[in-house]
Amino acid sequence: MTDLSKKILFAQNNKNTIGVRMDLKTMYSKSTASMKSSMIRELVSSTKGIPGLISFAGGFPSPQTFLVEELVEIFKNVISEHGTDIL
């Protein structure tokens, strides 16, 4: 059994793992772990925290555009109805 399989089984069998974060970087392939960020990605990321700025680059929509309560309900329904298939 691989380390990943052990971690998944532990998470599935331990009801107290809600909210616990796994260090996914330990599961990256060698090529993914060695990837470097690009200059463009760094520039776009640096604009993320500017108050009032709505960036149309890099996929950072304004947080106010998200319908949080609706998304919570959708996520709850999807996980409860299809959790084992999508996780």
Foldseek 3Di string as FASTA:
>chain_A
DDPVVVVVVCVVPDPPCVPPDDPCLVVDDPVVNPDDDDPVRVVVVVCQPDPPDADPPDPRGDPVVDPVVVVVVVVVVCCVVPVVPPD
